[in-house]
């Protein structure tokens, strides 16, 4: 995993960073992304628990965890991006 991403997760959640363990309610995800889009932007990490431990996105679907997480970024001035890491 990228060192900068580990540092980002270690810093914990804040106004521009949110962790979601699982995508169980698309409305919650949409509200978070809308809040980021209507402010200074932000990052949403899916597959990361509130305590910063990486659970992986597959843990939402099956009992197997492959250590992947989904990364969304919205920026007030730049393009939005997402990726599976």
N, C-alpha and C. Protein backbone atom coordinates (compact mmCIF):
# COMPACT_ATOMS: atom_id res chain seq x y z
N UNK A 1 0.85 -1.18 0.00
CA UNK A 1 0.00 0.00 0.00
C UNK A 1 0.90 1.24 0.00
N UNK A 2 0.47 2.24 -0.67
CA UNK A 2 1.18 3.50 -0.78
C UNK A 2 1.38 4.14 0.61
N UNK A 3 2.60 4.62 0.87
CA UNK A 3 2.93 5.23 2.16
C UNK A 3 2.05 6.45 2.46
N UNK A 4 1.79 7.27 1.44
CA UNK A 4 0.95 8.46 1.65
C UNK A 4 -0.47 8.08 2.04
N UNK A 5 -0.97 6.99 1.48
CA UNK A 5 -2.31 6.54 1.81
C UNK A 5 -2.37 6.01 3.24
N UNK A 6 -1.34 5.29 3.65
CA UNK A 6 -1.27 4.83 5.04
C UNK A 6 -1.27 6.01 6.00
N UNK A 7 -0.52 7.04 5.65
CA UNK A 7 -0.45 8.25 6.48
C UNK A 7 -1.82 8.93 6.53
N UNK A 8 -2.50 8.99 5.40
CA UNK A 8 -3.83 9.59 5.33
C UNK A 8 -4.81 8.85 6.26
N UNK A 9 -4.79 7.53 6.20
CA UNK A 9 -5.68 6.72 7.04
C UNK A 9 -5.31 6.88 8.51
N UNK A 10 -4.02 6.91 8.80
CA UNK A 10 -3.56 7.05 10.19
C UNK A 10 -4.00 8.37 10.80
N UNK A 11 -4.20 9.40 9.97
CA UNK A 11 -4.65 10.70 10.46
C UNK A 11 -6.10 10.71 10.88
N UNK A 12 -6.86 9.70 10.50
CA UNK A 12 -8.25 9.58 10.89
C UNK A 12 -9.19 10.43 10.05
N UNK A 13 -10.46 10.25 10.33
CA UNK A 13 -11.50 10.97 9.61
C UNK A 13 -11.52 12.45 10.01
N UNK A 14 -11.91 13.27 9.06
CA UNK A 14 -12.05 14.70 9.32
C UNK A 14 -13.04 15.27 8.31
N UNK A 15 -13.10 16.59 8.20
CA UNK A 15 -14.08 17.24 7.31
C UNK A 15 -13.88 16.85 5.85
N UNK A 16 -12.66 16.48 5.48
CA UNK A 16 -12.39 16.13 4.08
C UNK A 16 -12.00 14.68 3.89
N UNK A 17 -12.22 13.85 4.89
CA UNK A 17 -11.91 12.43 4.78
C UNK A 17 -12.94 11.63 5.56
N UNK A 18 -13.54 10.65 4.89
CA UNK A 18 -14.54 9.80 5.53
C UNK A 18 -14.24 8.35 5.21
N UNK A 19 -14.37 7.49 6.21
CA UNK A 19 -14.20 6.06 6.04
C UNK A 19 -15.57 5.40 6.05
N UNK A 20 -15.75 4.46 5.17
CA UNK A 20 -16.96 3.63 5.17
C UNK A 20 -16.51 2.18 5.13
N UNK A 21 -16.95 1.40 6.10
CA UNK A 21 -16.61 -0.01 6.15
C UNK A 21 -17.27 -0.76 5.01
N UNK A 22 -18.51 -0.40 4.72
CA UNK A 22 -19.29 -1.15 3.75
C UNK A 22 -20.27 -0.21 3.05
N UNK A 23 -20.60 -0.52 1.83
CA UNK A 23 -21.60 0.25 1.10
C UNK A 23 -22.93 -0.47 1.27
N UNK A 24 -23.54 -0.26 2.41
CA UNK A 24 -24.82 -0.93 2.67
C UNK A 24 -26.00 -0.02 2.37
N UNK A 25 -25.75 1.28 2.31
CA UNK A 25 -26.81 2.25 2.05
C UNK A 25 -26.28 3.29 1.07
N UNK A 26 -26.69 3.20 -0.17
CA UNK A 26 -26.19 4.11 -1.19
C UNK A 26 -26.52 5.57 -0.89
N UNK A 27 -27.60 5.81 -0.13
CA UNK A 27 -27.95 7.18 0.23
C UNK A 27 -26.90 7.82 1.13
N UNK A 28 -26.31 7.03 2.03
CA UNK A 28 -25.25 7.56 2.90
C UNK A 28 -24.02 7.94 2.08
N UNK A 29 -23.69 7.11 1.11
CA UNK A 29 -22.55 7.40 0.24
C UNK A 29 -22.83 8.65 -0.57
N UNK A 30 -24.03 8.74 -1.12
CA UNK A 30 -24.41 9.91 -1.92
C UNK A 30 -24.38 11.19 -1.09
N UNK A 31 -24.85 11.13 0.15
CA UNK A 31 -24.81 12.31 1.02
C UNK A 31 -23.38 12.75 1.30
N UNK A 32 -22.51 11.78 1.54
CA UNK A 32 -21.11 12.11 1.81
C UNK A 32 -20.46 12.75 0.58
N UNK A 33 -20.66 12.15 -0.59
CA UNK A 33 -20.08 12.72 -1.81
C UNK A 33 -20.66 14.08 -2.14
N UNK A 34 -21.96 14.27 -1.90
CA UNK A 34 -22.58 15.58 -2.14
C UNK A 34 -22.02 16.62 -1.19
N UNK A 35 -21.80 16.24 0.06
CA UNK A 35 -21.22 17.18 1.03
C UNK A 35 -19.82 17.59 0.60
N UNK A 36 -19.02 16.63 0.13
CA UNK A 36 -17.68 16.96 -0.36
C UNK A 36 -17.76 17.87 -1.58
N UNK A 37 -18.66 17.55 -2.50
CA UNK A 37 -18.79 18.33 -3.73
C UNK A 37 -19.24 19.76 -3.45
N UNK A 38 -20.02 19.96 -2.39
CA UNK A 38 -20.53 21.29 -2.05
C UNK A 38 -19.63 22.04 -1.08
N UNK A 39 -18.46 21.50 -0.81
CA UNK A 39 -17.51 22.18 0.08
C UNK A 39 -16.16 22.24 -0.63
N UNK A 40 -15.11 22.03 0.12
CA UNK A 40 -13.76 22.11 -0.45
C UNK A 40 -13.28 20.78 -1.01
N UNK A 41 -14.18 19.83 -1.18
CA UNK A 41 -13.80 18.51 -1.69
C UNK A 41 -13.47 17.58 -0.54
N UNK A 42 -13.16 16.36 -0.87
CA UNK A 42 -12.82 15.40 0.15
C UNK A 42 -12.56 14.03 -0.43
N UNK A 43 -12.25 13.11 0.46
CA UNK A 43 -11.94 11.74 0.07
C UNK A 43 -12.83 10.78 0.85
N UNK A 44 -13.29 9.76 0.16
CA UNK A 44 -14.09 8.72 0.77
C UNK A 44 -13.37 7.41 0.55
N UNK A 45 -13.02 6.74 1.63
CA UNK A 45 -12.36 5.44 1.53
C UNK A 45 -13.35 4.37 1.97
N UNK A 46 -13.70 3.50 1.05
CA UNK A 46 -14.63 2.41 1.34
C UNK A 46 -13.81 1.15 1.58
N UNK A 47 -14.16 0.45 2.64
CA UNK A 47 -13.40 -0.73 3.02
C UNK A 47 -12.46 -0.44 4.17
N UNK A 48 -12.60 0.76 4.75
CA UNK A 48 -11.80 1.17 5.90
C UNK A 48 -12.75 1.41 7.06
N UNK A 49 -12.48 0.76 8.19
CA UNK A 49 -13.32 0.92 9.37
C UNK A 49 -13.06 2.27 10.03
N UNK A 50 -13.98 2.70 10.89
CA UNK A 50 -13.85 4.00 11.57
C UNK A 50 -12.56 4.10 12.38
N UNK A 51 -12.04 2.97 12.86
CA UNK A 51 -10.80 3.01 13.63
C UNK A 51 -9.55 3.02 12.75
N UNK A 52 -9.75 3.03 11.42
CA UNK A 52 -8.63 3.12 10.48
C UNK A 52 -8.10 1.79 10.00
N UNK A 53 -8.65 0.69 10.49
CA UNK A 53 -8.18 -0.60 10.01
C UNK A 53 -8.80 -0.90 8.64
N UNK A 54 -8.01 -1.48 7.77
CA UNK A 54 -8.45 -1.78 6.41
C UNK A 54 -9.10 -3.15 6.41
N UNK A 55 -10.39 -3.17 6.11
CA UNK A 55 -11.16 -4.41 6.10
C UNK A 55 -11.27 -4.96 4.69
N UNK A 56 -11.22 -4.10 3.70
CA UNK A 56 -11.39 -4.52 2.32
C UNK A 56 -12.85 -4.47 1.89
N UNK A 57 -13.08 -4.18 0.64
CA UNK A 57 -14.45 -4.06 0.16
C UNK A 57 -15.12 -5.40 -0.02
N UNK A 58 -14.35 -6.45 -0.22
CA UNK A 58 -14.98 -7.75 -0.41
C UNK A 58 -15.59 -8.27 0.88
N UNK A 59 -15.18 -7.72 2.03
CA UNK A 59 -15.76 -8.15 3.29
C UNK A 59 -17.22 -7.72 3.39
N UNK A 60 -17.63 -6.77 2.57
CA UNK A 60 -19.02 -6.33 2.55
C UNK A 60 -19.89 -7.36 1.83
N UNK A 61 -19.29 -8.09 0.92
CA UNK A 61 -20.05 -8.97 0.05
C UNK A 61 -19.92 -10.44 0.48
N UNK A 62 -18.72 -10.83 0.82
CA UNK A 62 -18.47 -12.22 1.22
C UNK A 62 -17.67 -12.22 2.51
N UNK A 63 -17.35 -13.36 2.98
CA UNK A 63 -16.53 -13.46 4.18
C UNK A 63 -15.04 -13.35 3.87
N UNK A 64 -14.68 -13.34 2.61
CA UNK A 64 -13.27 -13.24 2.22
C UNK A 64 -12.89 -11.77 2.08
N UNK A 65 -11.70 -11.45 2.54
CA UNK A 65 -11.18 -10.10 2.41
C UNK A 65 -9.89 -10.18 1.62
N UNK A 66 -9.82 -9.40 0.56
CA UNK A 66 -8.64 -9.41 -0.28
C UNK A 66 -7.76 -8.19 -0.03
N UNK A 67 -8.13 -7.36 0.91
CA UNK A 67 -7.32 -6.20 1.23
C UNK A 67 -7.48 -5.04 0.27
N UNK A 68 -8.50 -5.06 -0.56
CA UNK A 68 -8.74 -3.95 -1.47
C UNK A 68 -9.62 -2.91 -0.80
N UNK A 69 -9.51 -1.70 -1.23
CA UNK A 69 -10.42 -0.67 -0.77
C UNK A 69 -10.68 0.27 -1.92
N UNK A 70 -11.80 0.94 -1.86
CA UNK A 70 -12.24 1.82 -2.93
C UNK A 70 -12.00 3.25 -2.50
N UNK A 71 -11.44 4.04 -3.39
CA UNK A 71 -11.03 5.40 -3.07
C UNK A 71 -11.79 6.37 -3.97
N UNK A 72 -12.51 7.30 -3.37
CA UNK A 72 -13.18 8.37 -4.11
C UNK A 72 -12.58 9.69 -3.68
N UNK A 73 -12.42 10.59 -4.62
CA UNK A 73 -11.94 11.93 -4.28
C UNK A 73 -12.75 12.93 -5.06
N UNK A 74 -13.24 13.93 -4.37
CA UNK A 74 -13.87 15.06 -5.06
C UNK A 74 -13.08 16.30 -4.68
N UNK A 75 -12.84 17.12 -5.63
CA UNK A 75 -12.07 18.34 -5.38
C UNK A 75 -12.87 19.53 -5.89
N UNK A 76 -12.86 20.58 -5.13
CA UNK A 76 -13.60 21.77 -5.52
C UNK A 76 -13.16 22.33 -6.86
N UNK A 77 -11.84 22.28 -7.15
CA UNK A 77 -11.33 22.89 -8.37
C UNK A 77 -10.88 21.87 -9.43
N UNK A 78 -10.73 20.61 -9.05
CA UNK A 78 -10.18 19.65 -9.99
C UNK A 78 -11.17 18.56 -10.33
N UNK A 79 -10.70 17.60 -11.12
CA UNK A 79 -11.59 16.51 -11.53
C UNK A 79 -11.83 15.55 -10.38
N UNK A 80 -12.97 14.88 -10.42
CA UNK A 80 -13.26 13.82 -9.46
C UNK A 80 -12.55 12.57 -9.91
N UNK A 81 -12.20 11.72 -8.98
CA UNK A 81 -11.55 10.47 -9.36
C UNK A 81 -11.97 9.36 -8.42
N UNK A 82 -11.77 8.15 -8.86
CA UNK A 82 -12.03 6.99 -8.01
C UNK A 82 -11.12 5.88 -8.48
N UNK A 83 -10.91 4.93 -7.62
CA UNK A 83 -10.09 3.79 -8.03
C UNK A 83 -10.20 2.66 -7.04
N UNK A 84 -9.89 1.48 -7.49
CA UNK A 84 -9.83 0.30 -6.65
C UNK A 84 -8.37 -0.01 -6.45
N UNK A 85 -7.95 -0.02 -5.21
CA UNK A 85 -6.53 -0.22 -4.91
C UNK A 85 -6.37 -1.49 -4.12
